[in-house]
Amino acid sequence: MMITAKMPQAASDIASELARLSPDYAATPLLDLPLLAARLGVAQVLAKDEGRRMLGSFKSLGGTYAGLRALARAASTDIRGLVAARPAGQPALVCASDGNHGLAVAAAARFAGTNARVYLHHGVPAARARRIEEQGAEIVWVDGTYDDAVDAAAMASRGGGGILVADTTDDPEDPVVRDVMAGYGVMAEEIREQVEAAGHPRPTHLFVQAGVGGLAAAMAEGLGGWLAAPGRILVVEPETAPAVSAALAAGRPLRVEGSLETAAEMLSCGEASAPALAVLQRHRAAAIRVPERTLDEAPALLHGCGGPRTTASGAAGLGGAMTTCDGRPGLGSDARLLLLITEAEINEGG
């Protein structure tokens, strides 16, 4: 079957595609955390535990799906046919990463029987690089920030180095980035089904990590019209890497200067993705900048209140809720919060 359409598949179809690859793509738990709700002074906190997903993070939904779909388009087949045939002579997959996206793209290459080349900046911990290498990918180290790695990967792809599987772009119609965000949309469909099955009232506030904005945009698209009033979508990012805040204020993506250093390493991005920004603008999302101290404190608070162990990146949504509850602008005791725990705890030593 030849795939030519630019539009991604429906979330249910993407979930089925991924489930054929591994049982670790099964739906992840949606946790009800009453102790955390009491600590924050709100009615309910629901947390989606993406540390239980394939590769230990939500990124495996987007990067792996988009990488396989890009290879399938190049081979004039579909994902099932590609993985079954693993045709010789396939192009390599190329991407930049802070860690998890590169891991997901490397997995796509492994499933398809081809190579991956992942561009990392030197701020990425060695443990995350090793995980990518264990998937069979080649690491290319780049001086500078994540955004410098993005530029280097794009240049390598334009020079014939392979198919670029980016999670950010300045092209609002980029089909690969749209596939990445569509993969993330599987989470939104699971959340809707899990809330209804458990009989929970719908959340009123979504706190979602930013990075380049792709995850936040996918959640806004999948949950924006479903949340209960007031239906607030709050995009959370470190004070030191406010890419989405800057883009929303300017009305367009622009590159934030500085080192972008943060405890939330997976959010160390200096420029928002254009397709993500357009979605966030349409859903009237607001951005929250979280201090480093709060990012550091969030994982322990989450775990102490019955949640899973995670990193500062994985608990950044909670950091946004903590920051908001401190000031309580428009967040009352009847608020029902939805958080995404985006990755499992990782031993980043060595």
C-alpha atoms as a PDB file:
ATOM      1  CA  MET A   1       0.000   0.000   0.000  1.00  0.00           C
ATOM      2  CA  MET A   2       1.502   3.317  -1.018  1.00  0.00           C
ATOM      3  CA  ILE A   3       1.330   6.111   1.545  1.00  0.00           C
ATOM      4  CA  THR A   4       1.235   9.576   0.078  1.00  0.00           C
ATOM      5  CA  ALA A   5      -1.107  11.488   2.385  1.00  0.00           C
ATOM      6  CA  LYS A   6       0.396  14.222   4.505  1.00  0.00           C
ATOM      7  CA  MET A   7      -2.312  13.970   7.134  1.00  0.00           C
ATOM      8  CA  PRO A   8      -1.557  11.632  10.053  1.00  0.00           C
ATOM      9  CA  GLN A   9      -3.718   8.664  10.971  1.00  0.00           C
ATOM     10  CA  ALA A  10      -6.325   8.736  13.719  1.00  0.00           C
ATOM     11  CA  ALA A  11      -5.050   8.150  17.252  1.00  0.00           C
ATOM     12  CA  SER A  12      -6.752   4.753  17.489  1.00  0.00           C
ATOM     13  CA  ASP A  13      -5.066   3.619  14.263  1.00  0.00           C
ATOM     14  CA  ILE A  14      -1.676   4.862  15.483  1.00  0.00           C
ATOM     15  CA  ALA A  15      -2.148   2.962  18.743  1.00  0.00           C
ATOM     16  CA  SER A  16      -2.889  -0.199  16.748  1.00  0.00           C
ATOM     17  CA  GLU A  17       0.198   0.313  14.569  1.00  0.00           C
ATOM     18  CA  LEU A  18       2.417   0.649  17.626  1.00  0.00           C
ATOM     19  CA  ALA A  19       0.806  -2.236  19.531  1.00  0.00           C
ATOM     20  CA  ARG A  20       1.865  -4.549  16.705  1.00  0.00           C
ATOM     21  CA  LEU A  21       5.487  -3.569  17.376  1.00  0.00           C
ATOM     22  CA  SER A  22       5.514  -4.288  21.126  1.00  0.00           C
ATOM     23  CA  PRO A  23       3.117  -4.939  24.030  1.00  0.00           C
ATOM     24  CA  ASP A  24       4.949  -2.111  25.831  1.00  0.00           C
ATOM     25  CA  TYR A  25       2.841   0.298  23.750  1.00  0.00           C
ATOM     26  CA  ALA A  26      -0.247  -0.648  25.757  1.00  0.00           C
ATOM     27  CA  ALA A  27      -2.194   2.174  27.405  1.00  0.00           C
ATOM     28  CA  THR A  28      -0.428   3.656  30.424  1.00  0.00           C
ATOM     29  CA  PRO A  29      -2.141   4.151  33.811  1.00  0.00           C
ATOM     30  CA  LEU A  30      -4.073   7.278  34.756  1.00  0.00           C
ATOM     31  CA  LEU A  31      -3.483   7.725  38.482  1.00  0.00           C
ATOM     32  CA  ASP A  32      -5.827   9.419  40.951  1.00  0.00           C
ATOM     33  CA  LEU A  33      -3.619  11.110  43.585  1.00  0.00           C
ATOM     34  CA  PRO A  34      -5.785  12.394  46.473  1.00  0.00           C
ATOM     35  CA  LEU A  35      -2.795  13.112  48.739  1.00  0.00           C
ATOM     36  CA  LEU A  36      -1.304  15.355  46.073  1.00  0.00           C
ATOM     37  CA  ALA A  37      -4.654  17.074  45.559  1.00  0.00           C
ATOM     38  CA  ALA A  38      -4.784  17.786  49.299  1.00  0.00           C
ATOM     39  CA  ARG A  39      -1.238  19.180  49.279  1.00  0.00           C
ATOM     40  CA  LEU A  40      -2.092  21.497  46.380  1.00  0.00           C
ATOM     41  CA  GLY A  41      -5.465  22.487  47.841  1.00  0.00           C
ATOM     42  CA  VAL A  42      -7.519  21.327  44.845  1.00  0.00           C
ATOM     43  CA  ALA A  43     -10.364  18.854  44.389  1.00  0.00           C
ATOM     44  CA  GLN A  44      -8.529  16.207  42.345  1.00  0.00           C
ATOM     45  CA  VAL A  45      -5.231  15.446  40.639  1.00  0.00           C
ATOM     46  CA  LEU A  46      -5.065  12.878  37.841  1.00  0.00           C
ATOM     47  CA  ALA A  47      -1.627  11.936  36.499  1.00  0.00           C
ATOM     48  CA  LYS A  48      -0.868  10.015  33.314  1.00  0.00           C
ATOM     49  CA  ASP A  49       2.147   7.762  33.991  1.00  0.00           C
ATOM     50  CA  GLU A  50       4.135   7.742  30.748  1.00  0.00           C
ATOM     51  CA  GLY A  51       7.124   6.156  32.480  1.00  0.00           C
ATOM     52  CA  ARG A  52       5.283   2.893  31.853  1.00  0.00           C
ATOM     53  CA  ARG A  53       5.330   3.450  28.082  1.00  0.00           C
ATOM     54  CA  MET A  54       7.732   1.752  25.638  1.00  0.00           C
ATOM     55  CA  LEU A  55      11.274   3.136  26.218  1.00  0.00           C
ATOM     56  CA  GLY A  56      10.118   4.782  29.433  1.00  0.00           C
ATOM     57  CA  SER A  57       8.618   7.968  27.999  1.00  0.00           C
ATOM     58  CA  PHE A  58       5.843   9.426  25.856  1.00  0.00           C
ATOM     59  CA  LYS A  59       8.388  10.208  23.129  1.00  0.00           C
ATOM     60  CA  SER A  60       8.185   6.626  21.887  1.00  0.00           C
ATOM     61  CA  LEU A  61       4.668   7.385  20.655  1.00  0.00           C
ATOM     62  CA  GLY A  62       5.770  10.264  18.418  1.00  0.00           C
ATOM     63  CA  GLY A  63       9.339   9.657  17.313  1.00  0.00           C
ATOM     64  CA  THR A  64       8.960   5.960  16.579  1.00  0.00           C
ATOM     65  CA  TYR A  65       5.686   6.363  14.723  1.00  0.00           C
ATOM     66  CA  ALA A  66       6.919   9.333  12.687  1.00  0.00           C
ATOM     67  CA  GLY A  67      10.213   7.616  11.855  1.00  0.00           C
ATOM     68  CA  LEU A  68       8.486   4.456  10.660  1.00  0.00           C
ATOM     69  CA  ARG A  69       5.932   6.399   8.648  1.00  0.00           C
ATOM     70  CA  ALA A  70       8.688   8.428   6.965  1.00  0.00           C
ATOM     71  CA  LEU A  71      10.515   5.236   5.980  1.00  0.00           C
ATOM     72  CA  ALA A  72       7.258   3.678   4.786  1.00  0.00           C
ATOM     73  CA  ARG A  73       6.544   6.672   2.561  1.00  0.00           C
ATOM     74  CA  ALA A  74      10.042   6.427   1.093  1.00  0.00           C
ATOM     75  CA  ALA A  75       9.502   2.713   0.377  1.00  0.00           C
ATOM     76  CA  SER A  76       5.952   3.195  -0.993  1.00  0.00           C
ATOM     77  CA  THR A  77       4.442   0.880   1.592  1.00  0.00           C
ATOM     78  CA  ASP A  78       2.806   1.068   5.014  1.00  0.00           C
ATOM     79  CA  ILE A  79       4.326   0.559   8.450  1.00  0.00           C
ATOM     80  CA  ARG A  80       3.227  -3.073   8.691  1.00  0.00           C
ATOM     81  CA  GLY A  81       4.716  -3.870   5.296  1.00  0.00           C
ATOM     82  CA  LEU A  82       7.911  -1.991   6.101  1.00  0.00           C
ATOM     83  CA  VAL A  83       8.525  -3.825   9.371  1.00  0.00           C
ATOM     84  CA  ALA A  84       7.692  -7.198   7.822  1.00  0.00           C
ATOM     85  CA  ALA A  85       9.967  -6.729   4.785  1.00  0.00           C
ATOM     86  CA  ARG A  86      12.793  -4.656   6.337  1.00  0.00           C
ATOM     87  CA  PRO A  87      13.901  -3.807   2.777  1.00  0.00           C
ATOM     88  CA  ALA A  88      17.583  -3.447   1.945  1.00  0.00           C
ATOM     89  CA  GLY A  89      18.977  -0.069   0.969  1.00  0.00           C
ATOM     90  CA  GLN A  90      16.726   2.057   3.172  1.00  0.00           C
ATOM     91  CA  PRO A  91      17.858   5.582   4.028  1.00  0.00           C
ATOM     92  CA  ALA A  92      19.043   6.299   7.547  1.00  0.00           C
ATOM     93  CA  LEU A  93      16.945   8.285  10.006  1.00  0.00           C
ATOM     94  CA  VAL A  94      18.445  11.528  11.325  1.00  0.00           C
ATOM     95  CA  CYS A  95      17.324  13.653  14.263  1.00  0.00           C
ATOM     96  CA  ALA A  96      18.392  15.963  17.060  1.00  0.00           C
ATOM     97  CA  SER A  97      17.470  15.235  20.640  1.00  0.00           C
ATOM     98  CA  ASP A  98      17.815  16.039  24.323  1.00  0.00           C
ATOM     99  CA  GLY A  99      17.593  12.264  24.828  1.00  0.00           C
ATOM    100  CA  ASN A 100      14.118  10.744  24.526  1.00  0.00           C
ATOM    101  CA  HIS A 101      13.211  11.736  20.962  1.00  0.00           C
ATOM    102  CA  GLY A 102      16.503  10.327  19.713  1.00  0.00           C
ATOM    103  CA  LEU A 103      15.820   7.096  21.579  1.00  0.00           C
ATOM    104  CA  ALA A 104      12.414   6.826  19.902  1.00  0.00           C
ATOM    105  CA  VAL A 105      13.804   7.516  16.418  1.00  0.00           C
ATOM    106  CA  ALA A 106      16.595   4.992  16.998  1.00  0.00           C
ATOM    107  CA  ALA A 107      13.926   2.419  17.886  1.00  0.00           C
ATOM    108  CA  ALA A 108      12.093   3.187  14.636  1.00  0.00           C
ATOM    109  CA  ALA A 109      15.265   2.500  12.669  1.00  0.00           C
ATOM    110  CA  ARG A 110      15.795  -0.761  14.558  1.00  0.00           C
ATOM    111  CA  PHE A 111      12.234  -1.935  13.902  1.00  0.00           C
ATOM    112  CA  ALA A 112      12.645  -1.165  10.185  1.00  0.00           C
ATOM    113  CA  GLY A 113      16.148  -2.636   9.836  1.00  0.00           C
ATOM    114  CA  THR A 114      17.985   0.553   8.986  1.00  0.00           C
ATOM    115  CA  ASN A 115      20.388   2.983  10.689  1.00  0.00           C
ATOM    116  CA  ALA A 116      19.844   6.104  12.781  1.00  0.00           C
ATOM    117  CA  ARG A 117      22.107   9.047  13.466  1.00  0.00           C
ATOM    118  CA  VAL A 118      21.225  11.175  16.487  1.00  0.00           C
ATOM    119  CA  TYR A 119      22.677  14.636  17.067  1.00  0.00           C
ATOM    120  CA  LEU A 120      23.148  15.512  20.746  1.00  0.00           C
ATOM    121  CA  HIS A 121      24.523  18.620  22.417  1.00  0.00           C
ATOM    122  CA  HIS A 122      27.107  18.132  25.151  1.00  0.00           C
ATOM    123  CA  GLY A 123      24.597  18.898  27.898  1.00  0.00           C
ATOM    124  CA  VAL A 124      22.887  15.543  27.324  1.00  0.00           C
ATOM    125  CA  PRO A 125      23.887  13.113  30.114  1.00  0.00           C
ATOM    126  CA  ALA A 126      26.039  10.132  29.140  1.00  0.00           C
ATOM    127  CA  ALA A 127      23.422   7.687  30.422  1.00  0.00           C
ATOM    128  CA  ARG A 128      20.861   8.999  27.942  1.00  0.00           C
ATOM    129  CA  ALA A 129      23.373   8.784  25.097  1.00  0.00           C
ATOM    130  CA  ARG A 130      24.157   5.171  26.031  1.00  0.00           C
ATOM    131  CA  ARG A 131      20.472   4.260  25.859  1.00  0.00           C
ATOM    132  CA  ILE A 132      20.334   5.612  22.310  1.00  0.00           C
ATOM    133  CA  GLU A 133      23.459   3.681  21.327  1.00  0.00           C
ATOM    134  CA  GLU A 134      21.918   0.514  22.775  1.00  0.00           C
ATOM    135  CA  GLN A 135      19.152   0.886  20.174  1.00  0.00           C
ATOM    136  CA  GLY A 136      21.877   0.698  17.495  1.00  0.00           C
ATOM    137  CA  ALA A 137      22.114   4.396  16.622  1.00  0.00           C
ATOM    138  CA  GLU A 138      25.206   6.481  15.983  1.00  0.00           C
ATOM    139  CA  ILE A 139      25.689   9.534  18.208  1.00  0.00           C
ATOM    140  CA  VAL A 140      27.021  12.799  16.756  1.00  0.00           C
ATOM    141  CA  TRP A 141      28.017  15.305  19.443  1.00  0.00           C
ATOM    142  CA  VAL A 142      27.417  18.994  18.745  1.00  0.00           C
ATOM    143  CA  ASP A 143      28.761  22.052  20.543  1.00  0.00           C
ATOM    144  CA  GLY A 144      26.167  24.455  21.904  1.00  0.00           C
ATOM    145  CA  THR A 145      22.523  23.884  22.794  1.00  0.00           C
ATOM    146  CA  TYR A 146      19.703  21.623  21.695  1.00  0.00           C
ATOM    147  CA  ASP A 147      18.836  24.148  19.005  1.00  0.00           C
ATOM    148  CA  ASP A 148      22.370  23.893  17.595  1.00  0.00           C
ATOM    149  CA  ALA A 149      21.879  20.127  17.389  1.00  0.00           C
ATOM    150  CA  VAL A 150      18.576  20.722  15.555  1.00  0.00           C
ATOM    151  CA  ASP A 151      20.411  22.868  13.009  1.00  0.00           C
ATOM    152  CA  ALA A 152      23.174  20.268  12.587  1.00  0.00           C
ATOM    153  CA  ALA A 153      20.725  17.397  12.036  1.00  0.00           C
ATOM    154  CA  ALA A 154      18.771  19.402   9.458  1.00  0.00           C
ATOM    155  CA  MET A 155      21.961  20.305   7.610  1.00  0.00           C
ATOM    156  CA  ALA A 156      23.079  16.652   7.575  1.00  0.00           C
ATOM    157  CA  SER A 157      19.735  15.549   6.156  1.00  0.00           C
ATOM    158  CA  ARG A 158      19.820  18.226   3.434  1.00  0.00           C
ATOM    159  CA  GLY A 159      23.303  16.993   2.534  1.00  0.00           C
ATOM    160  CA  GLY A 160      22.048  13.474   1.880  1.00  0.00           C
ATOM    161  CA  GLY A 161      22.615  12.044   5.354  1.00  0.00           C
ATOM    162  CA  GLY A 162      19.157  10.523   5.627  1.00  0.00           C
ATOM    163  CA  ILE A 163      15.517  11.292   6.374  1.00  0.00           C
ATOM    164  CA  LEU A 164      15.094  14.002   9.002  1.00  0.00           C
ATOM    165  CA  VAL A 165      12.701  13.001  11.786  1.00  0.00           C
ATOM    166  CA  ALA A 166      12.465  16.274  13.665  1.00  0.00           C
ATOM    167  CA  ASP A 167      10.051  17.097  16.464  1.00  0.00           C
ATOM    168  CA  THR A 168      10.287  20.809  15.663  1.00  0.00           C
ATOM    169  CA  THR A 169      10.180  22.888  12.507  1.00  0.00           C
ATOM    170  CA  ASP A 170       9.512  26.369  11.166  1.00  0.00           C
ATOM    171  CA  ASP A 171       7.269  24.835   8.460  1.00  0.00           C
ATOM    172  CA  PRO A 172       3.647  24.702   9.691  1.00  0.00           C
ATOM    173  CA  GLU A 173       2.866  21.945   7.170  1.00  0.00           C
ATOM    174  CA  ASP A 174       5.839  19.642   7.845  1.00  0.00           C
ATOM    175  CA  PRO A 175       4.392  16.099   7.561  1.00  0.00           C
ATOM    176  CA  VAL A 176       6.957  14.418   9.821  1.00  0.00           C
ATOM    177  CA  VAL A 177       6.455  16.854  12.701  1.00  0.00           C
ATOM    178  CA  ARG A 178       2.705  16.463  12.267  1.00  0.00           C
ATOM    179  CA  ASP A 179       3.169  12.684  12.568  1.00  0.00           C
ATOM    180  CA  VAL A 180       5.187  13.174  15.765  1.00  0.00           C
ATOM    181  CA  MET A 181       2.391  15.228  17.317  1.00  0.00           C
ATOM    182  CA  ALA A 182      -0.240  12.771  16.072  1.00  0.00           C
ATOM    183  CA  GLY A 183       1.612   9.992  17.887  1.00  0.00           C
ATOM    184  CA  TYR A 184       1.450  11.974  21.117  1.00  0.00           C
ATOM    185  CA  GLY A 185      -2.296  12.264  20.532  1.00  0.00           C
ATOM    186  CA  VAL A 186      -2.656   8.600  21.503  1.00  0.00           C
ATOM    187  CA  MET A 187      -2.264   9.764  25.116  1.00  0.00           C
ATOM    188  CA  ALA A 188      -5.175  12.171  24.815  1.00  0.00           C
ATOM    189  CA  GLU A 189      -7.468   9.448  23.521  1.00  0.00           C
ATOM    190  CA  GLU A 190      -6.411   7.128  26.337  1.00  0.00           C
ATOM    191  CA  ILE A 191      -7.030   9.853  28.939  1.00  0.00           C
ATOM    192  CA  ARG A 192     -10.539  10.549  27.686  1.00  0.00           C
ATOM    193  CA  GLU A 193     -11.404   6.847  27.763  1.00  0.00           C
ATOM    194  CA  GLN A 194      -9.838   6.302  31.208  1.00  0.00           C
ATOM    195  CA  VAL A 195     -11.597   9.267  32.801  1.00  0.00           C
ATOM    196  CA  GLU A 196     -14.952   8.106  31.506  1.00  0.00           C
ATOM    197  CA  ALA A 197     -14.339   4.450  32.466  1.00  0.00           C
ATOM    198  CA  ALA A 198     -13.373   5.416  36.038  1.00  0.00           C
ATOM    199  CA  GLY A 199     -16.323   7.755  36.417  1.00  0.00           C
ATOM    200  CA  HIS A 200     -14.136  10.749  37.222  1.00  0.00           C
ATOM    201  CA  PRO A 201     -15.439  14.229  36.469  1.00  0.00           C
ATOM    202  CA  ARG A 202     -13.487  15.797  33.654  1.00  0.00           C
ATOM    203  CA  PRO A 203     -10.424  17.824  34.630  1.00  0.00           C
ATOM    204  CA  THR A 204     -10.687  21.595  34.583  1.00  0.00           C
ATOM    205  CA  HIS A 205      -6.971  22.398  34.164  1.00  0.00           C
ATOM    206  CA  LEU A 206      -4.275  20.676  32.096  1.00  0.00           C
ATOM    207  CA  PHE A 207      -0.643  21.309  33.078  1.00  0.00           C
ATOM    208  CA  VAL A 208       1.599  20.055  30.287  1.00  0.00           C
ATOM    209  CA  GLN A 209       5.342  20.260  29.649  1.00  0.00           C
ATOM    210  CA  ALA A 210       6.523  22.523  26.832  1.00  0.00           C
ATOM    211  CA  GLY A 211       9.926  21.776  25.286  1.00  0.00           C
ATOM    212  CA  VAL A 212       9.365  22.779  21.663  1.00  0.00           C
ATOM    213  CA  GLY A 213       5.593  22.607  22.240  1.00  0.00           C
ATOM    214  CA  GLY A 214       4.679  19.431  20.373  1.00  0.00           C
ATOM    215  CA  LEU A 215       3.348  17.530  23.367  1.00  0.00           C
ATOM    216  CA  ALA A 216       1.413  20.528  24.614  1.00  0.00           C
ATOM    217  CA  ALA A 217      -0.108  21.058  21.171  1.00  0.00           C
ATOM    218  CA  ALA A 218      -1.135  17.415  20.868  1.00  0.00           C
ATOM    219  CA  MET A 219      -2.809  17.535  24.277  1.00  0.00           C
ATOM    220  CA  ALA A 220      -4.511  20.833  23.445  1.00  0.00           C
ATOM    221  CA  GLU A 221      -5.867  19.353  20.226  1.00  0.00           C
ATOM    222  CA  GLY A 222      -7.005  16.134  21.867  1.00  0.00           C
ATOM    223  CA  LEU A 223      -8.362  17.513  25.135  1.00  0.00           C
ATOM    224  CA  GLY A 224      -9.075  21.202  24.539  1.00  0.00           C
ATOM    225  CA  GLY A 225     -12.771  20.839  23.809  1.00  0.00           C
ATOM    226  CA  TRP A 226     -13.197  18.002  26.295  1.00  0.00           C
ATOM    227  CA  LEU A 227     -11.975  19.599  29.525  1.00  0.00           C
ATOM    228  CA  ALA A 228     -14.601  20.875  31.950  1.00  0.00           C
ATOM    229  CA  ALA A 229     -14.975  24.615  32.444  1.00  0.00           C
ATOM    230  CA  PRO A 230     -12.919  26.732  32.585  1.00  0.00           C
ATOM    231  CA  GLY A 231     -10.902  24.325  30.421  1.00  0.00           C
ATOM    232  CA  ARG A 232      -7.506  25.938  31.000  1.00  0.00           C
ATOM    233  CA  ILE A 233      -4.468  24.649  29.095  1.00  0.00           C
ATOM    234  CA  LEU A 234      -1.292  25.682  30.902  1.00  0.00           C
ATOM    235  CA  VAL A 235       2.028  25.046  29.167  1.00  0.00           C
ATOM    236  CA  VAL A 236       4.873  24.567  31.640  1.00  0.00           C
ATOM    237  CA  GLU A 237       8.531  25.348  30.994  1.00  0.00           C
ATOM    238  CA  PRO A 238      11.679  26.249  32.947  1.00  0.00           C
ATOM    239  CA  GLU A 239      12.398  29.913  33.610  1.00  0.00           C
ATOM    240  CA  THR A 240      15.757  29.372  31.881  1.00  0.00           C
ATOM    241  CA  ALA A 241      14.279  27.903  28.668  1.00  0.00           C
ATOM    242  CA  PRO A 242      11.023  29.782  27.930  1.00  0.00           C
ATOM    243  CA  ALA A 243      10.694  28.952  24.243  1.00  0.00           C
ATOM    244  CA  VAL A 244       6.897  28.688  24.173  1.00  0.00           C
ATOM    245  CA  SER A 245       6.396  31.692  26.468  1.00  0.00           C
ATOM    246  CA  ALA A 246       8.514  33.793  24.124  1.00  0.00           C
ATOM    247  CA  ALA A 247       6.715  32.523  21.038  1.00  0.00           C
ATOM    248  CA  LEU A 248       3.246  33.122  22.472  1.00  0.00           C
ATOM    249  CA  ALA A 249       4.237  36.648  23.483  1.00  0.00           C
ATOM    250  CA  ALA A 250       5.727  37.425  20.069  1.00  0.00           C
ATOM    251  CA  GLY A 251       3.093  35.611  18.038  1.00  0.00           C
ATOM    252  CA  ARG A 252       5.771  33.623  16.219  1.00  0.00           C
ATOM    253  CA  PRO A 253       8.650  31.251  17.017  1.00  0.00           C
ATOM    254  CA  LEU A 254      11.874  32.967  17.970  1.00  0.00           C
ATOM    255  CA  ARG A 255      15.103  31.669  19.423  1.00  0.00           C
ATOM    256  CA  VAL A 256      15.739  32.313  23.115  1.00  0.00           C
ATOM    257  CA  GLU A 257      19.344  33.186  23.839  1.00  0.00           C
ATOM    258  CA  GLY A 258      21.417  31.740  26.670  1.00  0.00           C
ATOM    259  CA  SER A 259      22.655  28.376  27.877  1.00  0.00           C
ATOM    260  CA  LEU A 260      19.117  26.990  28.467  1.00  0.00           C
ATOM    261  CA  GLU A 261      20.523  25.018  31.408  1.00  0.00           C
ATOM    262  CA  THR A 262      17.843  23.503  33.634  1.00  0.00           C
ATOM    263  CA  ALA A 263      17.218  20.531  35.896  1.00  0.00           C
ATOM    264  CA  ALA A 264      14.394  19.666  33.488  1.00  0.00           C
ATOM    265  CA  GLU A 265      16.876  18.603  30.806  1.00  0.00           C
ATOM    266  CA  MET A 266      14.236  17.321  28.363  1.00  0.00           C
ATOM    267  CA  LEU A 267      12.752  20.839  28.251  1.00  0.00           C
ATOM    268  CA  SER A 268      16.040  22.577  27.436  1.00  0.00           C
ATOM    269  CA  CYS A 269      14.797  24.053  24.147  1.00  0.00           C
ATOM    270  CA  GLY A 270      15.231  27.577  22.864  1.00  0.00           C
ATOM    271  CA  GLU A 271      12.784  27.763  19.948  1.00  0.00           C
ATOM    272  CA  ALA A 272       9.171  26.629  19.703  1.00  0.00           C
ATOM    273  CA  SER A 273       7.904  24.550  16.791  1.00  0.00           C
ATOM    274  CA  ALA A 274       5.731  26.485  14.335  1.00  0.00           C
ATOM    275  CA  PRO A 275       2.997  23.811  13.946  1.00  0.00           C
ATOM    276  CA  ALA A 276       2.774  23.441  17.727  1.00  0.00           C
ATOM    277  CA  LEU A 277       2.575  27.187  18.259  1.00  0.00           C
ATOM    278  CA  ALA A 278      -0.320  27.510  15.822  1.00  0.00           C
ATOM    279  CA  VAL A 279      -2.298  24.874  17.744  1.00  0.00           C
ATOM    280  CA  LEU A 280      -1.533  26.436  21.122  1.00  0.00           C
ATOM    281  CA  GLN A 281      -2.614  29.859  19.881  1.00  0.00           C
ATOM    282  CA  ARG A 282      -5.871  28.432  18.553  1.00  0.00           C
ATOM    283  CA  HIS A 283      -6.622  26.839  21.930  1.00  0.00           C
ATOM    284  CA  ARG A 284      -5.632  30.010  23.820  1.00  0.00           C
ATOM    285  CA  ALA A 285      -3.028  28.183  25.884  1.00  0.00           C
ATOM    286  CA  ALA A 286      -1.115  30.121  28.513  1.00  0.00           C
ATOM    287  CA  ALA A 287       2.501  29.526  29.510  1.00  0.00           C
ATOM    288  CA  ILE A 288       3.923  29.187  33.028  1.00  0.00           C
ATOM    289  CA  ARG A 289       7.619  29.676  33.766  1.00  0.00           C
ATOM    290  CA  VAL A 290       8.749  27.491  36.667  1.00  0.00           C
ATOM    291  CA  PRO A 291      11.745  28.330  38.902  1.00  0.00           C
ATOM    292  CA  GLU A 292      14.548  25.777  39.177  1.00  0.00           C
ATOM    293  CA  ARG A 293      13.881  25.242  42.876  1.00  0.00           C
ATOM    294  CA  THR A 294      10.326  24.135  42.120  1.00  0.00           C
ATOM    295  CA  LEU A 295      11.470  21.849  39.303  1.00  0.00           C
ATOM    296  CA  ASP A 296      13.912  20.249  41.733  1.00  0.00           C
ATOM    297  CA  GLU A 297      11.222  19.750  44.398  1.00  0.00           C
ATOM    298  CA  ALA A 298       8.446  18.374  42.164  1.00  0.00           C
ATOM    299  CA  PRO A 299       9.644  14.743  41.739  1.00  0.00           C
ATOM    300  CA  ALA A 300       9.932  14.149  45.495  1.00  0.00           C
ATOM    301  CA  LEU A 301       6.514  15.704  46.152  1.00  0.00           C
ATOM    302  CA  LEU A 302       4.958  13.531  43.441  1.00  0.00           C
ATOM    303  CA  HIS A 303       6.477  10.328  44.792  1.00  0.00           C
ATOM    304  CA  GLY A 304       5.733  11.245  48.401  1.00  0.00           C
ATOM    305  CA  CYS A 305       2.056  11.633  47.502  1.00  0.00           C
ATOM    306  CA  GLY A 306       1.761   8.215  45.866  1.00  0.00           C
ATOM    307  CA  GLY A 307       2.963   8.977  42.349  1.00  0.00           C
ATOM    308  CA  PRO A 308       5.725   7.269  40.372  1.00  0.00           C
ATOM    309  CA  ARG A 309       9.412   8.101  40.558  1.00  0.00           C
ATOM    310  CA  THR A 310      10.408  10.458  37.777  1.00  0.00           C
ATOM    311  CA  THR A 311      12.797  13.257  36.841  1.00  0.00           C
ATOM    312  CA  ALA A 312      12.486  17.041  37.000  1.00  0.00           C
ATOM    313  CA  SER A 313      11.403  16.892  33.353  1.00  0.00           C
ATOM    314  CA  GLY A 314       8.829  14.193  34.039  1.00  0.00           C
ATOM    315  CA  ALA A 315       7.331  16.134  36.952  1.00  0.00           C
ATOM    316  CA  ALA A 316       7.515  19.581  35.353  1.00  0.00           C
ATOM    317  CA  GLY A 317       3.748  19.683  34.906  1.00  0.00           C
ATOM    318  CA  LEU A 318       3.426  19.320  38.658  1.00  0.00           C
ATOM    319  CA  GLY A 319       5.998  22.106  38.986  1.00  0.00           C
ATOM    320  CA  GLY A 320       3.644  24.294  36.983  1.00  0.00           C
ATOM    321  CA  ALA A 321       0.745  23.392  39.260  1.00  0.00           C
ATOM    322  CA  MET A 322       2.883  24.142  42.343  1.00  0.00           C
ATOM    323  CA  THR A 323       3.820  27.528  40.895  1.00  0.00           C
ATOM    324  CA  THR A 324       0.206  28.323  40.070  1.00  0.00           C
ATOM    325  CA  CYS A 325      -1.123  27.176  43.445  1.00  0.00           C
ATOM    326  CA  ASP A 326       1.430  29.355  45.220  1.00  0.00           C
ATOM    327  CA  GLY A 327      -0.137  32.437  43.640  1.00  0.00           C
ATOM    328  CA  ARG A 328      -3.591  30.863  43.104  1.00  0.00           C
ATOM    329  CA  PRO A 329      -4.548  33.018  40.082  1.00  0.00           C
ATOM    330  CA  GLY A 330      -7.876  31.563  39.093  1.00  0.00           C
ATOM    331  CA  LEU A 331      -7.190  28.115  40.606  1.00  0.00           C
ATOM    332  CA  GLY A 332      -9.748  27.412  43.339  1.00  0.00           C
ATOM    333  CA  SER A 333     -10.349  24.518  45.704  1.00  0.00           C
ATOM    334  CA  ASP A 334     -12.806  23.000  43.219  1.00  0.00           C
ATOM    335  CA  ALA A 335     -10.167  22.740  40.454  1.00  0.00           C
ATOM    336  CA  ARG A 336      -9.449  19.293  39.018  1.00  0.00           C
ATOM    337  CA  LEU A 337      -5.941  19.006  37.592  1.00  0.00           C
ATOM    338  CA  LEU A 338      -4.551  16.751  34.885  1.00  0.00           C
ATOM    339  CA  LEU A 339      -0.781  16.191  34.818  1.00  0.00           C
ATOM    340  CA  LEU A 340       1.468  14.209  32.492  1.00  0.00           C
ATOM    341  CA  ILE A 341       4.351  12.320  34.106  1.00  0.00           C
ATOM    342  CA  THR A 342       6.358  12.197  30.913  1.00  0.00           C
ATOM    343  CA  GLU A 343       9.194   9.811  31.761  1.00  0.00           C
ATOM    344  CA  ALA A 344      10.432   7.240  34.241  1.00  0.00           C
ATOM    345  CA  GLU A 345      13.237   7.985  36.650  1.00  0.00           C
ATOM    346  CA  ILE A 346      16.605   7.509  34.937  1.00  0.00           C
ATOM    347  CA  ASN A 347      19.971   6.887  36.538  1.00  0.00           C
ATOM    348  CA  GLU A 348      21.987   9.596  34.788  1.00  0.00           C
ATOM    349  CA  GLY A 349      25.261   9.017  36.603  1.00  0.00           C
ATOM    350  CA  GLY A 350      28.384   8.283  34.543  1.00  0.00           C
END
